[in-house]
Amino acid sequence: MIRIRPFRALRPTPGLAKDVASVPYDVVNTEEASDMAAGNPKSFLHVVRPEIDLPAGTDLYDDRVYDKARENFLMFQDKGWLIREKKPEIYLYRQIMDGRSQVSIVASSSVNDYNDDRIKKHEKTRQEKEDDRTRHVLTLRANAGPVFLTIRDTDRINALIAQDTTGEPLFDFTADDDIQHTVWIVPDAQAYVEAFAEVPCSYVADGHHRSASAARAGAELGGKNPDHTGEEEYNWFLTAIFPANQLKILPYNRVVKDLAGKAASDVLAALEGVGKVALLRAGQEPTPTTPGTVCIHLDGKWYTLTFPADFIDGSDPVASLDVSLLQDRVLAPILGIGDPRTDNRIGFVGGIRGTNDLERRVNTGEAAIAFSLYPTTVEQLMAIADAGKIMPPKSTWFEPKLRSGLLVHTLDD
């Protein structure tokens, strides 16, 4: 069973929601965050990217960054930009992008479920990033942004969502990127608690560092509390939980800076030894329509590469991923990309940017070759987590991004 519970959120008053809500900390760099927050002191980027309020060049892990985050967080509360919910609540959070809607249940989830692997993972975390997020949580004594979870669909939860997204919303605004954000307080939080008790597990879709840091923060605070019971607020963390049918994963495409000393014709010949290569016709979209196929931009042309079916081990949920096939059959043996986590010759491009961006990078010389991939599916993500395996880096790109600052979970209330 999965444990969720309502929480007393810190949240904007409805009229300030658009000003406060910000993109997550990890999808922008300092310069981008500074540009987005320019002229808007209410942007939650001042809390999740507080270095924008410090001298240029300040180290991201400097003590002053965390101190500024807390200072700004308290200032948001002092000025009434964030107010405390009167009682614990569970929320529904809908996003509409390009006409497609997705709805999550926003509740606090149990650190114990995370530690006991009822909240399943598919990605390794980097120590530096995990340390940073843990310190941010402990300094604020709050989860500033939600962890993005998914569950297999249940009729009961789907029915609750359909029923409770018809009333008057708490927030409803369209952000500058034309994504609509709507939040409801559910009328019967206990109904969701009971429905989730029938769900055997959930999966981290995005936010492995945030979930790991929440668990570490809970353990640290619990260790300092002689009366620790496990039900304290620090033993719970902020989550947005999507039924799998709500989600659409975009591809995470690849570019490589050079051809490892090879001529384009040599690379093309090597690709023909891997699978069936075909030149795309003029006007044909360079996006794969089936798994096991990749589109490649090389020397001013787009090609498709189709891996032979006997190359694909369907019994191995990791090796059968398109990102794995590309890495194992092309990037490593032909282009010399040994470890995509550390090799600075490879770049990763979120599918939201489209194939025109891949083409631009090659045409301008930023990259020598680009790969447009078929997206990983939610079922593949869950199968890998169920098997206790790790997904290759940069395998999934989720859009739209959950906004930070709309609902904040604090560890003391």
Protein backbone atom coordinates (compact mmCIF):
# COMPACT_ATOMS: atom_id res chain seq x y z
CA MET A 1 0.00 0.00 0.00
CA ILE A 2 1.04 3.59 -0.65
CA ARG A 3 0.59 6.14 2.10
CA ILE A 4 -0.36 9.71 1.27
CA ARG A 5 -1.86 12.34 3.51
CA PRO A 6 -3.11 15.93 3.36
CA PHE A 7 -0.85 18.77 4.45
CA ARG A 8 -1.19 22.43 5.44
CA ALA A 9 0.36 24.00 2.39
CA LEU A 10 2.00 27.35 2.13
CA ARG A 11 0.52 28.76 -1.05
CA PRO A 12 -0.08 32.08 -2.82
CA THR A 13 -3.36 33.89 -2.55
CA PRO A 14 -5.19 33.15 -5.83
CA GLY A 15 -4.50 36.59 -7.26
CA LEU A 16 -0.73 36.12 -6.87
CA ALA A 17 -0.45 32.55 -8.14
CA LYS A 18 0.81 33.49 -11.61
CA ASP A 19 3.42 35.88 -10.21
CA VAL A 20 4.70 33.41 -7.62
CA ALA A 21 4.72 30.16 -9.63
CA SER A 22 8.09 29.37 -11.19
CA VAL A 23 9.69 26.67 -13.26
CA PRO A 24 11.59 24.02 -11.26
CA TYR A 25 15.10 24.85 -10.09
CA ASP A 26 16.74 22.23 -12.30
CA VAL A 27 15.42 23.24 -15.73
CA VAL A 28 17.13 26.65 -15.84
CA ASN A 29 20.64 27.89 -15.15
CA THR A 30 21.44 30.99 -13.13
CA GLU A 31 21.35 33.36 -16.10
CA GLU A 32 18.02 31.98 -17.34
CA ALA A 33 16.51 32.14 -13.85
CA SER A 34 17.69 35.72 -13.44
CA ASP A 35 16.10 36.72 -16.75
CA MET A 36 12.81 35.00 -15.86
CA ALA A 37 12.61 36.67 -12.44
CA ALA A 38 13.65 40.10 -13.63
CA GLY A 39 11.16 42.71 -12.43
CA ASN A 40 9.17 40.16 -10.44
CA PRO A 41 10.21 40.00 -6.77
CA LYS A 42 7.38 37.52 -6.14
CA SER A 43 8.81 34.83 -8.45
CA PHE A 44 9.57 31.66 -6.49
CA LEU A 45 12.86 31.51 -8.39
CA HIS A 46 14.13 33.82 -5.63
CA VAL A 47 13.69 30.80 -3.32
CA VAL A 48 14.69 27.89 -5.55
CA ARG A 49 17.48 29.76 -7.42
CA PRO A 50 18.48 32.31 -4.74
CA GLU A 51 21.90 32.92 -6.27
CA ILE A 52 20.13 35.31 -8.65
CA ASP A 53 20.00 37.76 -5.72
CA LEU A 54 23.72 37.46 -4.96
CA PRO A 55 26.79 38.85 -6.75
CA ALA A 56 27.45 37.33 -10.16
CA GLY A 57 29.76 34.36 -9.99
CA THR A 58 28.75 33.29 -6.47
CA ASP A 59 29.40 29.57 -6.08
CA LEU A 60 26.09 27.67 -6.16
CA TYR A 61 27.03 25.81 -2.98
CA ASP A 62 28.21 28.86 -1.03
CA ASP A 63 26.65 29.26 2.44
CA ARG A 64 25.19 32.58 1.30
CA VAL A 65 23.05 30.83 -1.32
CA TYR A 66 21.21 28.73 1.27
CA ASP A 67 20.95 31.67 3.69
CA LYS A 68 19.45 33.80 0.91
CA ALA A 69 16.96 31.03 0.08
CA ARG A 70 15.71 31.02 3.67
CA GLU A 71 15.69 34.81 3.88
CA ASN A 72 13.60 35.05 0.71
CA PHE A 73 11.30 32.21 1.80
CA LEU A 74 10.55 33.96 5.09
CA MET A 75 10.10 37.26 3.26
CA PHE A 76 7.48 35.68 0.99
CA GLN A 77 5.55 34.70 4.11
CA ASP A 78 6.05 38.04 5.90
CA LYS A 79 4.72 39.94 2.89
CA GLY A 80 1.73 37.62 2.54
CA TRP A 81 2.80 36.33 -0.88
CA LEU A 82 2.61 32.86 0.63
CA ILE A 83 -0.13 32.09 3.15
CA ARG A 84 -0.76 29.03 5.30
CA GLU A 85 -3.70 26.76 4.45
CA LYS A 86 -6.19 26.67 7.33
CA LYS A 87 -6.24 22.88 7.54
CA PRO A 88 -4.50 19.91 5.89
CA GLU A 89 -5.67 19.42 2.31
CA ILE A 90 -5.06 17.28 -0.78
CA TYR A 91 -5.11 19.01 -4.16
CA LEU A 92 -5.61 18.27 -7.84
CA TYR A 93 -3.24 20.08 -10.19
CA ARG A 94 -4.10 20.19 -13.89
CA GLN A 95 -1.84 21.45 -16.66
CA ILE A 96 -2.96 22.02 -20.24
CA MET A 97 -0.31 22.32 -22.94
CA ASP A 98 -1.09 22.44 -26.66
CA GLY A 99 -4.61 21.22 -25.93
CA ARG A 100 -3.47 18.16 -23.95
CA SER A 101 -4.42 17.91 -20.28
CA GLN A 102 -2.73 16.08 -17.41
CA VAL A 103 -3.88 16.00 -13.78
CA SER A 104 -1.92 15.03 -10.67
CA ILE A 105 -2.85 14.48 -7.05
CA VAL A 106 -0.72 16.72 -4.84
CA ALA A 107 -0.26 15.26 -1.37
CA SER A 108 2.52 14.47 1.05
CA SER A 109 4.05 11.01 0.59
CA SER A 110 5.81 8.88 3.16
CA VAL A 111 9.60 8.87 3.47
CA ASN A 112 9.23 5.31 4.76
CA ASP A 113 7.59 4.30 1.47
CA TYR A 114 10.61 5.75 -0.33
CA ASN A 115 13.09 3.98 1.95
CA ASP A 116 11.21 0.67 1.66
CA ASP A 117 11.06 0.94 -2.15
CA ARG A 118 7.30 1.20 -2.35
CA ILE A 119 8.22 4.42 -4.14
CA LYS A 120 10.40 2.91 -6.86
CA LYS A 121 13.36 4.55 -8.57
CA HIS A 122 15.00 4.10 -11.94
CA GLU A 123 17.87 6.58 -11.81
CA LYS A 124 21.12 7.04 -9.91
CA THR A 125 21.63 10.32 -8.07
CA ARG A 126 24.75 12.46 -8.06
CA GLN A 127 26.14 13.07 -4.59
CA GLU A 128 26.77 16.77 -5.18
CA LYS A 129 23.20 17.44 -6.31
CA GLU A 130 21.73 15.29 -3.56
CA ASP A 131 23.78 17.14 -0.93
CA ASP A 132 22.64 20.46 -2.37
CA ARG A 133 18.93 19.59 -2.29
CA THR A 134 19.19 18.10 1.21
CA ARG A 135 20.77 21.28 2.49
CA HIS A 136 18.12 23.37 0.74
CA VAL A 137 15.33 21.34 2.39
CA LEU A 138 16.91 21.53 5.83
CA THR A 139 17.66 25.24 5.56
CA LEU A 140 14.12 26.11 4.50
CA ARG A 141 12.61 23.28 6.55
CA ALA A 142 10.38 22.80 3.53
CA ASN A 143 10.03 20.94 0.24
CA ALA A 144 9.99 23.83 -2.21
CA GLY A 145 9.07 21.77 -5.26
CA PRO A 146 7.13 18.54 -5.73
CA VAL A 147 8.57 15.16 -6.68
CA PHE A 148 6.88 13.90 -9.84
CA LEU A 149 5.47 10.40 -9.21
CA THR A 150 3.34 8.12 -11.34
CA ILE A 151 1.15 5.12 -10.56
CA ARG A 152 -0.61 2.50 -12.63
CA ASP A 153 -4.18 3.55 -13.27
CA THR A 154 -7.00 2.55 -11.00
CA ASP A 155 -10.67 3.10 -11.75
CA ARG A 156 -11.22 4.48 -8.26
CA ILE A 157 -8.58 7.19 -8.49
CA ASN A 158 -9.50 8.10 -12.06
CA ALA A 159 -13.13 8.49 -10.99
CA LEU A 160 -12.15 10.74 -8.08
CA ILE A 161 -10.12 12.96 -10.40
CA ALA A 162 -12.96 13.22 -12.93
CA GLN A 163 -15.42 14.07 -10.16
CA ASP A 164 -13.28 16.66 -8.35
CA THR A 165 -12.06 18.69 -11.34
CA THR A 166 -15.53 20.08 -12.04
CA GLY A 167 -15.83 22.49 -9.12
CA GLU A 168 -14.48 25.98 -8.50
CA PRO A 169 -10.67 25.99 -8.62
CA LEU A 170 -8.35 27.55 -6.11
CA PHE A 171 -5.96 28.72 -8.85
CA ASP A 172 -6.49 29.04 -12.58
CA PHE A 173 -4.02 30.97 -14.72
CA THR A 174 -2.12 30.73 -17.98
CA ALA A 175 1.62 31.26 -17.67
CA ASP A 176 3.74 33.25 -20.09
CA ASP A 177 4.59 30.04 -21.97
CA ASP A 178 0.86 29.49 -22.67
CA ILE A 179 0.55 26.52 -20.31
CA GLN A 180 -2.62 26.65 -18.21
CA HIS A 181 -2.33 25.72 -14.53
CA THR A 182 -5.43 24.92 -12.47
CA VAL A 183 -5.52 23.73 -8.85
CA TRP A 184 -8.48 22.43 -6.85
CA ILE A 185 -8.78 21.53 -3.19
CA VAL A 186 -10.42 18.11 -3.09
CA PRO A 187 -13.61 17.99 -1.01
CA ASP A 188 -12.84 14.61 0.61
CA ALA A 189 -9.14 14.05 1.26
CA GLN A 190 -9.81 10.77 3.08
CA ALA A 191 -11.25 9.27 -0.10
CA TYR A 192 -7.85 9.71 -1.75
CA VAL A 193 -5.97 8.36 1.26
CA GLU A 194 -8.12 5.23 1.14
CA ALA A 195 -7.83 4.88 -2.64
CA PHE A 196 -4.03 5.05 -2.48
CA ALA A 197 -3.99 2.41 0.25
CA GLU A 198 -5.03 0.00 -2.53
CA VAL A 199 -2.07 0.99 -4.75
CA PRO A 200 0.93 -1.32 -4.26
CA CYS A 201 3.64 1.13 -5.34
CA SER A 202 4.43 4.38 -7.09
CA TYR A 203 7.33 5.38 -9.32
CA VAL A 204 9.61 8.41 -9.40
CA ALA A 205 9.10 9.78 -12.89
CA ASP A 206 11.17 12.92 -12.28
CA GLY A 207 12.78 14.22 -9.12
CA HIS A 208 15.18 11.53 -7.93
CA HIS A 209 17.40 14.10 -6.22
CA ARG A 210 14.42 15.80 -4.55
CA SER A 211 13.06 12.50 -3.24
CA ALA A 212 16.48 11.32 -2.03
CA SER A 213 17.05 14.63 -0.27
CA ALA A 214 13.62 14.45 1.38
CA ALA A 215 14.49 11.02 2.76
CA ARG A 216 17.87 12.23 4.00
CA ALA A 217 16.34 15.30 5.63
CA GLY A 218 13.73 13.14 7.34
CA ALA A 219 16.39 10.78 8.65
CA GLU A 220 18.53 13.64 9.96
CA LEU A 221 15.66 15.37 11.74
CA GLY A 222 14.34 12.08 13.07
CA GLY A 223 17.76 11.24 14.48
CA LYS A 224 17.78 14.50 16.41
CA ASN A 225 14.31 13.98 17.87
CA PRO A 226 14.31 11.70 20.96
CA ASP A 227 10.52 11.39 20.69
CA HIS A 228 10.51 10.50 16.98
CA THR A 229 7.47 8.43 15.94
CA GLY A 230 7.70 8.50 12.15
CA GLU A 231 4.49 10.50 11.79
CA GLU A 232 6.13 13.92 12.15
CA GLU A 233 5.80 16.22 9.16
CA TYR A 234 9.49 15.85 8.30
CA ASN A 235 8.79 12.17 7.62
CA TRP A 236 6.63 13.21 4.64
CA PHE A 237 7.47 15.06 1.44
CA LEU A 238 5.73 16.96 -1.34
CA THR A 239 4.61 14.88 -4.32
CA ALA A 240 2.51 15.33 -7.44
CA ILE A 241 1.21 11.88 -8.40
CA PHE A 242 -0.03 11.20 -11.94
CA PRO A 243 -1.98 8.17 -13.08
CA ALA A 244 0.08 6.77 -15.96
CA ASN A 245 -2.61 7.44 -18.56
CA GLN A 246 -2.25 11.17 -17.91
CA LEU A 247 1.39 11.30 -18.99
CA LYS A 248 3.18 11.78 -22.26
CA ILE A 249 6.94 11.31 -22.39
CA LEU A 250 8.88 13.19 -25.02
CA PRO A 251 12.15 11.89 -26.45
CA TYR A 252 15.50 12.93 -25.05
CA ASN A 253 17.55 13.39 -28.21
CA ARG A 254 21.33 13.32 -28.65
CA VAL A 255 23.98 15.35 -30.46
CA VAL A 256 27.69 14.56 -30.71
CA LYS A 257 30.31 17.26 -31.24
CA ASP A 258 32.54 15.36 -33.67
CA LEU A 259 32.76 12.13 -35.64
CA ALA A 260 35.75 10.74 -33.72
CA GLY A 261 38.11 11.53 -36.61
CA LYS A 262 35.95 9.75 -39.20
CA ALA A 263 34.57 11.14 -42.43
CA ALA A 264 30.78 11.38 -42.72
CA SER A 265 30.87 8.69 -45.43
CA ASP A 266 32.74 6.35 -43.06
CA VAL A 267 30.17 6.90 -40.33
CA LEU A 268 27.35 6.24 -42.78
CA ALA A 269 29.02 3.01 -43.91
CA ALA A 270 29.41 1.93 -40.28
CA LEU A 271 25.72 2.67 -39.65
CA GLU A 272 24.80 0.44 -42.60
CA GLY A 273 26.60 -2.36 -40.78
CA VAL A 274 24.33 -1.84 -37.78
CA GLY A 275 20.92 -1.83 -39.44
CA LYS A 276 18.87 -0.66 -42.38
CA VAL A 277 19.72 2.93 -43.37
CA ALA A 278 17.39 4.96 -45.59
CA LEU A 279 17.53 8.57 -46.77
CA LEU A 280 14.48 10.56 -45.68
CA ARG A 281 12.46 12.11 -48.48
CA ALA A 282 12.06 15.88 -48.70
CA GLY A 283 9.27 17.01 -46.37
CA GLN A 284 9.33 13.79 -44.34
CA GLU A 285 9.37 14.46 -40.60
CA PRO A 286 12.65 13.30 -39.00
CA THR A 287 10.93 11.75 -36.00
CA PRO A 288 10.72 7.96 -35.54
CA THR A 289 7.20 6.57 -35.67
CA THR A 290 8.02 3.17 -34.17
CA PRO A 291 10.47 1.90 -31.55
CA GLY A 292 13.71 0.44 -32.82
CA THR A 293 14.18 3.28 -35.29
CA VAL A 294 16.29 6.43 -34.98
CA CYS A 295 16.52 9.45 -37.29
CA ILE A 296 20.03 10.78 -37.90
CA HIS A 297 21.11 14.18 -39.23
CA LEU A 298 24.53 13.91 -40.85
CA ASP A 299 26.30 15.92 -43.54
CA GLY A 300 23.21 18.00 -44.34
CA LYS A 301 20.82 15.05 -44.73
CA TRP A 302 18.36 13.13 -42.57
CA TYR A 303 18.43 9.33 -42.51
CA THR A 304 16.55 6.61 -40.67
CA LEU A 305 18.36 3.73 -39.02
CA THR A 306 16.24 0.68 -38.20
CA PHE A 307 17.74 -1.87 -35.84
CA PRO A 308 17.12 -5.52 -36.81
CA ALA A 309 14.55 -7.21 -34.59
CA ASP A 310 17.07 -9.85 -33.52
CA PHE A 311 19.26 -7.03 -32.13
CA ILE A 312 16.60 -6.24 -29.54
CA ASP A 313 16.34 -8.35 -26.40
CA GLY A 314 12.76 -7.79 -25.34
CA SER A 315 13.35 -9.67 -22.08
CA ASP A 316 15.77 -6.96 -20.88
CA PRO A 317 13.85 -3.75 -20.09
CA VAL A 318 17.02 -1.63 -20.17
CA ALA A 319 18.87 -3.09 -23.17
CA SER A 320 15.71 -2.91 -25.28
CA LEU A 321 15.28 0.85 -24.81
CA ASP A 322 15.95 2.90 -27.92
CA VAL A 323 18.43 5.05 -25.96
CA SER A 324 20.31 1.85 -25.04
CA LEU A 325 20.28 0.52 -28.60
CA LEU A 326 21.70 3.82 -29.82
CA GLN A 327 24.38 3.88 -27.14
CA ASP A 328 25.40 0.23 -27.45
CA ARG A 329 25.24 -0.08 -31.25
CA VAL A 330 26.19 3.39 -32.47
CA LEU A 331 27.52 5.90 -29.97
CA ALA A 332 30.05 3.62 -28.28
CA PRO A 333 31.39 1.48 -31.15
CA ILE A 334 31.22 4.05 -33.98
CA LEU A 335 31.62 7.44 -32.28
CA GLY A 336 33.61 6.43 -29.21
CA ILE A 337 31.13 7.69 -26.57
CA GLY A 338 32.03 5.32 -23.74
CA ASP A 339 30.15 6.79 -20.79
CA PRO A 340 27.42 9.27 -21.71
CA ARG A 341 27.29 10.44 -18.09
CA THR A 342 30.82 11.86 -18.25
CA ASP A 343 31.79 12.26 -21.91
CA ASN A 344 31.69 15.97 -22.81
CA ARG A 345 31.44 15.18 -26.53
CA ILE A 346 27.78 14.22 -26.21
CA GLY A 347 24.90 16.58 -25.60
CA PHE A 348 21.28 15.89 -24.67
CA VAL A 349 18.38 17.85 -26.15
CA GLY A 350 14.87 17.67 -24.71
CA GLY A 351 12.22 16.68 -27.20
CA ILE A 352 10.30 19.88 -26.49
CA ARG A 353 12.90 21.70 -28.62
CA GLY A 354 11.97 19.73 -31.72
CA THR A 355 14.06 18.38 -34.57
CA ASN A 356 14.67 21.84 -36.04
CA ASP A 357 16.91 22.51 -33.05
CA LEU A 358 18.88 19.32 -33.76
CA GLU A 359 19.31 20.36 -37.37
CA ARG A 360 20.40 23.85 -36.33
CA ARG A 361 23.09 22.49 -34.02
CA VAL A 362 24.59 20.41 -36.81
CA ASN A 363 24.29 23.10 -39.47
CA THR A 364 26.02 25.69 -37.27
CA GLY A 365 28.87 23.34 -36.38
CA GLU A 366 27.88 23.07 -32.72
CA ALA A 367 27.53 19.33 -33.36
CA ALA A 368 28.62 17.00 -36.13
CA ILE A 369 25.73 14.55 -35.92
CA ALA A 370 22.29 14.49 -34.28
CA PHE A 371 19.94 11.68 -33.31
CA SER A 372 16.15 11.99 -33.06
CA LEU A 373 14.76 9.16 -30.91
CA TYR A 374 11.49 7.38 -30.30
CA PRO A 375 10.38 8.28 -26.76
CA THR A 376 10.65 5.94 -23.82
CA THR A 377 7.18 4.91 -22.62
CA VAL A 378 5.75 5.10 -19.10
CA GLU A 379 5.37 1.31 -19.16
CA GLN A 380 9.08 0.91 -19.93
CA LEU A 381 9.96 3.26 -17.07
CA MET A 382 7.84 1.24 -14.64
CA ALA A 383 9.17 -2.10 -15.92
CA ILE A 384 12.76 -0.97 -15.31
CA ALA A 385 11.93 0.22 -11.80
CA ASP A 386 10.04 -3.02 -11.08
CA ALA A 387 13.14 -4.97 -12.13
CA GLY A 388 15.30 -2.90 -9.78
CA LYS A 389 17.39 -1.66 -12.71
CA ILE A 390 18.72 1.76 -13.66
CA MET A 391 17.64 3.62 -16.76
CA PRO A 392 20.37 5.16 -18.94
CA PRO A 393 20.94 8.88 -18.35
CA LYS A 394 18.64 11.33 -20.09
CA SER A 395 16.09 8.73 -21.18
CA THR A 396 12.89 10.69 -20.56
CA TRP A 397 11.72 14.26 -21.01
CA PHE A 398 8.44 15.24 -19.39
CA GLU A 399 6.38 18.24 -20.42
CA PRO A 400 4.82 20.36 -19.12
CA LYS A 401 6.95 20.99 -16.04
CA LEU A 402 5.34 21.22 -12.62
CA ARG A 403 5.50 24.74 -11.18
CA SER A 404 7.24 25.44 -7.88
CA GLY A 405 5.75 27.78 -5.30
CA LEU A 406 2.09 26.95 -5.88
CA LEU A 407 2.02 24.43 -3.02
CA VAL A 408 4.85 24.18 -0.51
CA HIS A 409 5.16 21.50 2.16
CA THR A 410 6.86 22.55 5.39
CA LEU A 411 8.55 20.13 7.76
CA ASP A 412 7.30 21.68 10.99
CA ASP A 413 3.56 21.87 10.37
